[in-house]
Amino acid sequence: MEGIAEHGPTYASYLGGAERIIYTADPELIQYILQKNQKNFGKSRLQTKVLSRFAGKGLLTVEGDYWRQQRRLIQPGFHKEKLSGLVDIMLSVIDSQLDLLEAKFEKQSVINISEEMMEMAFQIVAKSLFSTHTEAQDLKDLSDNITDIQRFVIKQVRQPFKIPWYYLSGQFRQADQTATHTRKILQDFIDLRRQETGEYHDLLDMLLSARYEDTGKGMTDTQLVDESLIFFSAGHETSANALAWTWYLLAQHPEVIHKIKEEITEVLADRPPSFMDLRRLSYTMQVVQESLRLYPPAWIMDRIALADDEFKGLKIPKGTMIFPFIYGVHRLPDYWKNPDDFNPDRFEKNLTKDRSAFSYLPFGGGPRMCIGVNFAYMEMQLVIVQTLRRMSFELVDQEAVIPQPLITLRAAGGIKMKKANKA
């Protein structure tokens, strides 16, 4: 935010003293890049080359006609109504993880909520994608492998000058082997499902049943593994970080917790939430939205100009790297009153009608807006509701937690919490 305070919402810098890059928190410029002239702004080498080497050619890493083809194929499976069948799966996972968390609290007084939400989100993604035949060891290997690969990708981004050393020292070879092992686990899940004849209302079922309009054929196994791996990689860490930040905010605002509990009692009484209940849990949704405003997991994006361009007098030469700064957009006083305050009421429907569409974009914007937005919202609502029915948390250390901007916005050192006494 220092750059914005000093130079305004859009400013240029130089990478390595030579390469010009542009940072922007201007919603209008971001809309131009992501939507109005999005064909001239491609994804950077980080996503199209570095990530795709290990994660394959899924929606996150590909561009052009192939991306459009895959998006059209998969998008219908992520519509709200299609996701309704996942509610029972999610609830089962959430309740099991909360059982484990309660057992952990019996042995220790302090937990790292960041770690707990990482495990929670991973299990939700795993069971939502593969609801059957997921052995615990396979899931652990998947989680460990994806974490290792992400760490290696971060090393390349933060220290690109060491890339030759990563080759010489065998780190690339090791990462490739880890990716191969990960793909084998996913392929084994797919092979088992292909042998079965029943219907399973999970995401794998959706991917297997999807058909291309022009050929009537489904995806190959390679494509299924690619899309599954992207969903694992991109889906669980973003949700986990968002949930951890939500608990951090709620721990500082017991009055918000009280309002959520009142809504739970009014809407649900003692029964578990259904898909149709989620739209009635409107205040809980506002809490989710406000948490994502203050701490968007996808805190920054990257694009590269494919040809010379200009926006309101700003020259954008071909090859210029542009970074839409989502965290900065979400805290601009021009668009948000008291932007650093946690205030879920700002997302009441009557207050959001006139807001610039690109002043709030925790899931990106334009044609490449995250396909999992409805999944993430549903997941976060269910986790908050089911957790607050059983427990809430208090911060162990009242010192402010420092955001750590890696690929996603993490809490540096995690967030230490203890179980709160019931009111």
Protein backbone atom coordinates (compact mmCIF):
# COMPACT_ATOMS: atom_id res chain seq x y z
CA MET A 1 0.00 0.00 0.00
CA GLU A 2 3.03 2.27 0.39
CA GLY A 3 3.37 2.61 -3.38
CA ILE A 4 -0.26 3.62 -3.76
CA ALA A 5 0.03 6.15 -0.94
CA GLU A 6 3.08 7.71 -2.58
CA HIS A 7 2.29 7.49 -6.29
CA GLY A 8 -1.47 6.96 -6.58
CA PRO A 9 -3.42 3.86 -7.64
CA THR A 10 -1.33 3.26 -10.78
CA TYR A 11 2.41 3.59 -11.01
CA ALA A 12 5.36 2.18 -12.92
CA SER A 13 8.44 0.51 -11.50
CA TYR A 14 11.47 -1.21 -12.93
CA LEU A 15 12.35 -4.85 -12.32
CA GLY A 16 16.07 -5.36 -12.05
CA GLY A 17 16.56 -1.75 -13.08
CA ALA A 18 15.56 -2.41 -16.68
CA GLU A 19 12.19 -4.09 -17.20
CA ARG A 20 9.25 -1.69 -16.81
CA ILE A 21 6.28 -3.03 -14.89
CA ILE A 22 3.00 -1.40 -13.89
CA TYR A 23 1.13 -1.84 -10.62
CA THR A 24 -2.49 -0.76 -10.52
CA ALA A 25 -5.30 -0.58 -8.00
CA ASP A 26 -7.50 1.42 -10.38
CA PRO A 27 -10.77 -0.51 -10.95
CA GLU A 28 -11.26 1.07 -14.38
CA LEU A 29 -7.82 0.07 -15.63
CA ILE A 30 -8.20 -3.40 -14.15
CA GLN A 31 -11.54 -3.78 -15.92
CA TYR A 32 -9.87 -2.72 -19.16
CA ILE A 33 -7.16 -5.36 -18.70
CA LEU A 34 -9.34 -8.23 -17.49
CA GLN A 35 -12.50 -7.59 -19.47
CA LYS A 36 -12.78 -4.80 -22.05
CA ASN A 37 -9.51 -5.52 -23.86
CA GLN A 38 -8.61 -8.82 -22.22
CA LYS A 39 -7.49 -10.40 -25.51
CA ASN A 40 -4.44 -8.11 -25.48
CA PHE A 41 -3.37 -9.11 -21.97
CA GLY A 42 -2.16 -12.66 -21.57
CA LYS A 43 -1.06 -14.53 -18.51
CA SER A 44 2.57 -14.27 -17.52
CA ARG A 45 5.28 -16.88 -17.79
CA LEU A 46 4.67 -17.78 -14.12
CA GLN A 47 1.30 -19.31 -14.93
CA THR A 48 1.73 -20.46 -18.52
CA LYS A 49 5.21 -21.98 -18.11
CA VAL A 50 6.27 -22.41 -14.50
CA LEU A 51 2.98 -23.69 -13.09
CA SER A 52 1.98 -25.73 -16.15
CA ARG A 53 5.22 -27.72 -15.96
CA PHE A 54 3.99 -29.27 -12.72
CA ALA A 55 0.22 -28.72 -12.76
CA GLY A 56 -0.46 -29.55 -16.41
CA LYS A 57 -2.73 -27.81 -18.90
CA GLY A 58 -5.77 -26.97 -16.84
CA LEU A 59 -8.02 -23.91 -16.78
CA LEU A 60 -5.59 -21.93 -14.65
CA THR A 61 -2.56 -22.38 -16.89
CA VAL A 62 -3.82 -22.42 -20.49
CA GLU A 63 -4.98 -19.65 -22.81
CA GLY A 64 -6.60 -19.08 -26.17
CA ASP A 65 -8.97 -21.43 -27.95
CA TYR A 66 -8.14 -24.40 -25.73
CA TRP A 67 -8.98 -22.40 -22.60
CA ARG A 68 -12.29 -21.27 -24.11
CA GLN A 69 -13.13 -24.85 -25.06
CA GLN A 70 -12.39 -26.15 -21.55
CA ARG A 71 -14.20 -23.28 -19.86
CA ARG A 72 -17.38 -23.91 -21.90
CA LEU A 73 -17.15 -27.61 -21.09
CA ILE A 74 -16.61 -27.32 -17.34
CA GLN A 75 -18.48 -24.10 -16.44
CA PRO A 76 -21.99 -25.67 -16.24
CA GLY A 77 -20.81 -28.07 -13.53
CA PHE A 78 -20.00 -25.13 -11.26
CA HIS A 79 -23.36 -23.40 -11.47
CA LYS A 80 -25.01 -23.09 -8.07
CA GLU A 81 -27.71 -25.66 -8.74
CA LYS A 82 -25.17 -28.23 -9.93
CA LEU A 83 -23.16 -27.74 -6.75
CA SER A 84 -26.17 -28.41 -4.53
CA GLY A 85 -25.31 -32.10 -4.46
CA LEU A 86 -22.04 -31.30 -2.70
CA VAL A 87 -23.65 -29.88 0.44
CA ASP A 88 -24.01 -33.25 2.18
CA ILE A 89 -20.45 -34.20 1.22
CA MET A 90 -19.11 -30.92 2.59
CA LEU A 91 -21.11 -31.20 5.81
CA SER A 92 -19.80 -34.70 6.44
CA VAL A 93 -16.20 -33.56 6.00
CA ILE A 94 -16.67 -30.42 8.12
CA ASP A 95 -18.23 -32.35 11.01
CA SER A 96 -15.46 -34.97 10.90
CA GLN A 97 -12.77 -32.30 10.93
CA LEU A 98 -14.46 -30.50 13.81
CA ASP A 99 -14.49 -33.77 15.76
CA LEU A 100 -10.73 -33.97 15.24
CA LEU A 101 -10.31 -30.33 16.24
CA GLU A 102 -12.26 -30.83 19.47
CA ALA A 103 -10.13 -33.86 20.27
CA LYS A 104 -7.02 -31.79 19.64
CA PHE A 105 -8.24 -29.09 22.03
CA GLU A 106 -8.55 -31.74 24.74
CA LYS A 107 -4.81 -32.37 24.46
CA GLN A 108 -3.55 -28.86 23.83
CA SER A 109 -4.88 -25.40 24.56
CA VAL A 110 -3.51 -23.58 21.51
CA ILE A 111 -3.84 -24.42 17.83
CA ASN A 112 -2.72 -22.78 14.61
CA ILE A 113 -6.00 -22.01 12.89
CA SER A 114 -4.18 -21.56 9.56
CA GLU A 115 -3.03 -25.19 9.64
CA GLU A 116 -6.44 -26.44 10.75
CA MET A 117 -8.21 -24.61 7.94
CA MET A 118 -5.65 -25.86 5.43
CA GLU A 119 -6.51 -29.43 6.41
CA MET A 120 -10.23 -28.65 6.48
CA ALA A 121 -10.21 -27.09 3.01
CA PHE A 122 -8.06 -29.87 1.56
CA GLN A 123 -10.41 -32.57 2.83
CA ILE A 124 -13.42 -30.68 1.48
CA VAL A 125 -11.85 -30.37 -1.97
CA ALA A 126 -10.72 -34.01 -1.92
CA LYS A 127 -14.13 -35.40 -1.03
CA SER A 128 -15.97 -32.97 -3.31
CA LEU A 129 -13.86 -34.12 -6.21
CA PHE A 130 -13.43 -37.79 -5.31
CA SER A 131 -16.19 -38.81 -2.90
CA THR A 132 -15.25 -42.50 -3.04
CA HIS A 133 -12.13 -44.66 -2.70
CA THR A 134 -9.87 -41.95 -1.28
CA GLU A 135 -7.43 -43.65 1.05
CA ALA A 136 -6.04 -41.50 3.86
CA GLN A 137 -2.43 -42.12 2.81
CA ASP A 138 -3.16 -41.15 -0.79
CA LEU A 139 -4.75 -37.90 0.37
CA LYS A 140 -1.81 -37.19 2.65
CA ASP A 141 0.61 -37.80 -0.22
CA LEU A 142 -1.47 -35.50 -2.44
CA SER A 143 -1.44 -32.75 0.15
CA ASP A 144 2.28 -33.07 0.84
CA ASN A 145 3.14 -33.22 -2.86
CA ILE A 146 1.10 -30.18 -3.79
CA THR A 147 2.62 -28.22 -0.91
CA ASP A 148 6.15 -29.20 -1.98
CA ILE A 149 5.49 -28.21 -5.60
CA GLN A 150 4.01 -24.86 -4.58
CA ARG A 151 7.05 -24.11 -2.43
CA PHE A 152 9.33 -24.86 -5.36
CA VAL A 153 7.29 -22.61 -7.66
CA ILE A 154 7.53 -19.80 -5.09
CA LYS A 155 11.32 -20.23 -4.96
CA GLN A 156 11.52 -19.76 -8.72
CA VAL A 157 9.36 -16.64 -8.60
CA ARG A 158 11.21 -15.05 -5.69
CA GLN A 159 14.73 -16.08 -6.74
CA PRO A 160 14.72 -16.53 -10.53
CA PHE A 161 18.51 -15.99 -10.67
CA LYS A 162 18.90 -19.36 -8.90
CA ILE A 163 17.03 -21.33 -11.57
CA PRO A 164 20.27 -22.68 -13.16
CA TRP A 165 21.29 -23.92 -9.71
CA TYR A 166 17.93 -25.60 -9.24
CA TYR A 167 18.64 -27.61 -12.39
CA LEU A 168 22.23 -28.46 -11.42
CA SER A 169 21.29 -29.46 -7.87
CA GLY A 170 18.54 -31.80 -9.02
CA GLN A 171 15.67 -29.78 -7.52
CA PHE A 172 13.83 -29.64 -10.84
CA ARG A 173 14.20 -33.38 -11.25
CA GLN A 174 12.84 -33.95 -7.76
CA ALA A 175 9.88 -31.62 -8.37
CA ASP A 176 9.13 -33.40 -11.66
CA GLN A 177 9.12 -36.74 -9.83
CA THR A 178 6.77 -35.33 -7.20
CA ALA A 179 4.42 -34.07 -9.93
CA THR A 180 4.51 -37.49 -11.63
CA HIS A 181 3.63 -39.22 -8.36
CA THR A 182 0.78 -36.75 -7.82
CA ARG A 183 -0.62 -37.39 -11.27
CA LYS A 184 -0.49 -41.16 -10.69
CA ILE A 185 -2.57 -40.85 -7.52
CA LEU A 186 -5.18 -38.83 -9.40
CA GLN A 187 -5.14 -41.25 -12.32
CA ASP A 188 -5.73 -44.17 -9.95
CA PHE A 189 -8.79 -42.38 -8.52
CA ILE A 190 -10.12 -41.86 -12.06
CA ASP A 191 -9.45 -45.48 -13.05
CA LEU A 192 -11.39 -46.75 -10.04
CA ARG A 193 -14.33 -44.51 -10.84
CA ARG A 194 -14.41 -45.64 -14.48
CA GLN A 195 -14.84 -49.21 -13.25
CA GLU A 196 -17.98 -48.29 -11.30
CA THR A 197 -21.53 -47.96 -12.60
CA GLY A 198 -23.24 -45.91 -9.89
CA GLU A 199 -23.89 -42.18 -9.81
CA TYR A 200 -21.80 -40.02 -7.53
CA HIS A 201 -22.77 -36.40 -7.10
CA ASP A 202 -19.22 -35.13 -6.91
CA LEU A 203 -17.04 -33.05 -9.20
CA LEU A 204 -15.35 -36.07 -10.79
CA ASP A 205 -18.76 -37.29 -11.86
CA MET A 206 -19.33 -33.90 -13.46
CA LEU A 207 -15.97 -33.96 -15.24
CA LEU A 208 -16.52 -37.50 -16.52
CA SER A 209 -19.99 -36.75 -17.83
CA ALA A 210 -19.10 -33.46 -19.55
CA ARG A 211 -19.18 -33.64 -23.35
CA TYR A 212 -17.75 -31.34 -26.02
CA GLU A 213 -20.47 -29.76 -28.14
CA ASP A 214 -18.75 -30.41 -31.48
CA THR A 215 -17.74 -34.06 -31.00
CA GLY A 216 -19.95 -35.38 -28.22
CA LYS A 217 -16.85 -36.88 -26.62
CA GLY A 218 -15.60 -36.46 -23.09
CA MET A 219 -12.19 -35.47 -21.79
CA THR A 220 -9.19 -37.75 -22.03
CA ASP A 221 -7.61 -39.09 -18.85
CA THR A 222 -4.75 -36.60 -19.25
CA GLN A 223 -7.25 -33.74 -19.37
CA LEU A 224 -9.13 -35.11 -16.35
CA VAL A 225 -5.90 -35.32 -14.35
CA ASP A 226 -4.89 -31.80 -15.43
CA GLU A 227 -8.20 -30.25 -14.37
CA SER A 228 -8.32 -32.25 -11.12
CA LEU A 229 -4.80 -31.19 -10.21
CA ILE A 230 -5.55 -27.53 -10.91
CA PHE A 231 -8.66 -27.74 -8.77
CA PHE A 232 -6.69 -29.26 -5.90
CA SER A 233 -3.83 -26.79 -6.22
CA ALA A 234 -5.89 -23.63 -6.63
CA GLY A 235 -8.95 -24.62 -4.66
CA HIS A 236 -7.87 -25.64 -1.22
CA GLU A 237 -5.16 -23.11 -0.31
CA THR A 238 -7.22 -20.08 -1.30
CA SER A 239 -10.22 -21.24 0.74
CA ALA A 240 -8.01 -22.23 3.67
CA ASN A 241 -6.38 -18.81 3.86
CA ALA A 242 -9.74 -17.06 3.49
CA LEU A 243 -11.19 -19.10 6.36
CA ALA A 244 -8.16 -18.50 8.60
CA TRP A 245 -8.43 -14.73 8.06
CA THR A 246 -12.17 -14.93 8.74
CA TRP A 247 -11.59 -16.54 12.15
CA TYR A 248 -8.92 -13.91 12.84
CA LEU A 249 -11.44 -11.15 12.16
CA LEU A 250 -14.29 -12.80 14.03
CA ALA A 251 -12.12 -13.31 17.11
CA GLN A 252 -11.80 -9.52 17.28
CA HIS A 253 -15.52 -8.90 16.73
CA PRO A 254 -17.68 -11.00 19.07
CA GLU A 255 -20.69 -8.88 18.14
CA VAL A 256 -20.46 -10.26 14.60
CA ILE A 257 -20.31 -13.82 15.92
CA HIS A 258 -23.43 -13.08 17.96
CA LYS A 259 -25.28 -11.91 14.83
CA ILE A 260 -24.23 -15.01 12.89
CA LYS A 261 -25.50 -17.25 15.69
CA GLU A 262 -28.79 -15.40 15.78
CA GLU A 263 -29.16 -15.95 12.04
CA ILE A 264 -28.34 -19.66 12.39
CA THR A 265 -31.03 -20.05 15.05
CA GLU A 266 -33.59 -18.12 13.01
CA VAL A 267 -32.94 -19.90 9.70
CA LEU A 268 -31.96 -23.39 10.77
CA ALA A 269 -33.00 -23.97 14.37
CA ASP A 270 -31.33 -27.32 15.12
CA ARG A 271 -31.24 -28.88 11.66
CA PRO A 272 -28.25 -29.02 9.29
CA PRO A 273 -28.15 -26.43 6.51
CA SER A 274 -29.40 -27.37 3.06
CA PHE A 275 -28.43 -25.81 -0.24
CA MET A 276 -31.63 -23.71 -0.23
CA ASP A 277 -30.77 -22.38 3.23
CA LEU A 278 -27.54 -20.77 2.05
CA ARG A 279 -29.25 -17.82 0.38
CA ARG A 280 -31.21 -17.21 3.59
CA LEU A 281 -27.97 -17.12 5.61
CA SER A 282 -27.39 -13.66 4.15
CA TYR A 283 -25.48 -12.12 7.05
CA THR A 284 -23.09 -15.07 7.14
CA MET A 285 -22.48 -14.47 3.45
CA GLN A 286 -21.79 -10.79 4.15
CA VAL A 287 -19.16 -11.85 6.69
CA VAL A 288 -17.53 -14.05 4.05
CA GLN A 289 -17.56 -11.22 1.51
CA GLU A 290 -16.10 -8.69 3.94
CA SER A 291 -13.36 -11.10 5.00
CA LEU A 292 -12.46 -11.64 1.35
CA ARG A 293 -12.36 -7.88 0.85
CA LEU A 294 -9.86 -7.30 3.64
CA TYR A 295 -7.75 -10.39 2.98
CA PRO A 296 -8.26 -11.61 -0.60
CA PRO A 297 -6.33 -14.89 -1.05
CA ALA A 298 -5.59 -13.95 -4.67
CA TRP A 299 -4.12 -10.62 -3.54
CA ILE A 300 -2.46 -9.74 -6.87
CA MET A 301 -2.69 -10.86 -10.49
CA ASP A 302 -0.33 -10.64 -13.42
CA ARG A 303 -0.80 -9.96 -17.10
CA ILE A 304 1.50 -9.11 -19.99
CA ALA A 305 0.67 -6.79 -22.88
CA LEU A 306 0.68 -8.73 -26.16
CA ALA A 307 0.74 -5.54 -28.27
CA ASP A 308 1.22 -1.81 -27.68
CA ASP A 309 -1.75 -0.35 -25.86
CA GLU A 310 -2.93 2.79 -24.12
CA PHE A 311 -5.47 3.58 -21.41
CA LYS A 312 -6.43 7.17 -20.67
CA GLY A 313 -3.00 8.44 -21.66
CA LEU A 314 -1.08 5.63 -19.95
CA LYS A 315 1.29 4.06 -22.49
CA ILE A 316 1.46 0.27 -22.26
CA PRO A 317 4.16 -0.99 -24.65
CA LYS A 318 4.14 -4.57 -25.85
CA GLY A 319 5.74 -6.88 -23.29
CA THR A 320 4.88 -4.68 -20.30
CA MET A 321 4.05 -6.66 -17.18
CA ILE A 322 0.95 -5.36 -15.37
CA PHE A 323 -0.02 -6.34 -11.86
CA PRO A 324 -3.64 -5.68 -10.84
CA PHE A 325 -3.26 -5.19 -7.08
CA ILE A 326 -6.45 -6.68 -5.65
CA TYR A 327 -5.53 -6.07 -2.01
CA GLY A 328 -5.01 -2.40 -2.84
CA VAL A 329 -8.30 -2.08 -4.75
CA HIS A 330 -10.18 -3.50 -1.77
CA ARG A 331 -8.81 -0.82 0.54
CA LEU A 332 -9.17 2.29 -1.59
CA PRO A 333 -10.97 5.06 0.36
CA ASP A 334 -12.53 6.30 -2.89
CA TYR A 335 -14.58 3.09 -3.06
CA TRP A 336 -14.74 1.91 0.55
CA LYS A 337 -15.66 4.02 3.58
CA ASN A 338 -13.24 3.34 6.46
CA PRO A 339 -11.59 0.69 4.27
CA ASP A 340 -9.49 -0.94 7.00
CA ASP A 341 -12.49 -1.61 9.24
CA PHE A 342 -14.20 -5.01 9.37
CA ASN A 343 -17.83 -4.21 8.62
CA PRO A 344 -19.99 -6.96 7.06
CA ASP A 345 -22.93 -4.54 6.88
CA ARG A 346 -21.28 -2.86 3.88
CA PHE A 347 -22.36 -5.90 1.81
CA GLU A 348 -26.07 -5.48 2.45
CA LYS A 349 -27.80 -5.73 -0.92
CA ASN A 350 -29.08 -2.16 -0.95
CA LEU A 351 -25.51 -0.88 -0.44
CA THR A 352 -23.88 -2.85 -3.26
CA LYS A 353 -26.03 -1.81 -6.21
CA ASP A 354 -24.02 1.25 -7.27
CA ARG A 355 -20.54 -0.09 -6.48
CA SER A 356 -18.05 -0.40 -9.31
CA ALA A 357 -17.94 -4.03 -10.40
CA PHE A 358 -14.14 -4.05 -10.42
CA SER A 359 -13.73 -2.46 -7.00
CA TYR A 360 -14.40 -5.91 -5.49
CA LEU A 361 -12.80 -8.88 -7.16
CA PRO A 362 -11.58 -11.57 -4.73
CA PHE A 363 -12.08 -14.12 -7.51
CA GLY A 364 -10.79 -11.97 -10.34
CA GLY A 365 -13.02 -10.54 -13.04
CA GLY A 366 -13.88 -10.76 -16.70
CA PRO A 367 -14.03 -13.98 -18.72
CA ARG A 368 -11.34 -15.62 -16.57
CA MET A 369 -13.08 -15.01 -13.27
CA CYS A 370 -12.44 -18.01 -11.02
CA ILE A 371 -14.72 -20.88 -12.00
CA GLY A 372 -14.91 -22.03 -8.38
CA VAL A 373 -16.47 -18.88 -6.93
CA ASN A 374 -19.79 -20.54 -6.03
CA PHE A 375 -17.99 -23.56 -4.58
CA ALA A 376 -15.83 -21.32 -2.38
CA TYR A 377 -18.73 -19.22 -1.11
CA MET A 378 -20.74 -22.32 -0.27
CA GLU A 379 -17.78 -23.97 1.45
CA MET A 380 -17.01 -20.93 3.60
CA GLN A 381 -20.61 -20.44 4.67
CA LEU A 382 -20.94 -24.09 5.71
CA VAL A 383 -17.64 -24.10 7.63
CA ILE A 384 -18.57 -20.95 9.55
CA VAL A 385 -22.08 -22.16 10.41
CA GLN A 386 -21.09 -25.65 11.51
CA THR A 387 -18.08 -24.44 13.48
CA LEU A 388 -19.94 -21.72 15.39
CA ARG A 389 -22.56 -24.25 16.40
CA ARG A 390 -19.84 -26.07 18.31
CA MET A 391 -17.09 -23.59 19.15
CA SER A 392 -15.50 -20.23 18.51
CA PHE A 393 -11.95 -18.99 18.95
CA GLU A 394 -9.92 -16.39 20.78
CA LEU A 395 -6.59 -14.96 19.69
CA VAL A 396 -3.69 -16.04 21.87
CA ASP A 397 -1.57 -13.05 20.93
CA GLN A 398 -3.33 -9.72 20.51
CA GLU A 399 -0.51 -8.40 18.32
CA ALA A 400 -1.63 -7.86 14.72
CA VAL A 401 -0.97 -10.80 12.43
CA ILE A 402 1.20 -9.81 9.47
CA PRO A 403 -0.03 -10.77 5.99
CA GLN A 404 2.54 -12.73 3.99
CA PRO A 405 2.05 -12.15 0.26
CA LEU A 406 3.18 -15.39 -1.40
CA ILE A 407 1.21 -16.95 -4.26
CA THR A 408 -1.75 -16.50 -1.93
CA LEU A 409 -2.12 -14.13 1.01
CA ARG A 410 -1.10 -16.13 4.06
CA ALA A 411 -0.69 -15.12 7.68
CA ALA A 412 3.02 -14.98 8.50
CA GLY A 413 3.69 -17.61 11.15
CA GLY A 414 0.07 -18.70 11.15
CA ILE A 415 -2.68 -17.55 13.54
CA LYS A 416 -2.52 -18.97 17.06
CA MET A 417 -5.86 -19.44 18.74
CA LYS A 418 -7.51 -21.07 21.72
CA LYS A 419 -11.05 -22.29 22.14
CA ALA A 420 -13.30 -19.53 23.45
CA ASN A 421 -15.51 -20.03 26.47
CA LYS A 422 -19.12 -20.35 25.41
CA ALA A 423 -21.17 -17.23 25.97
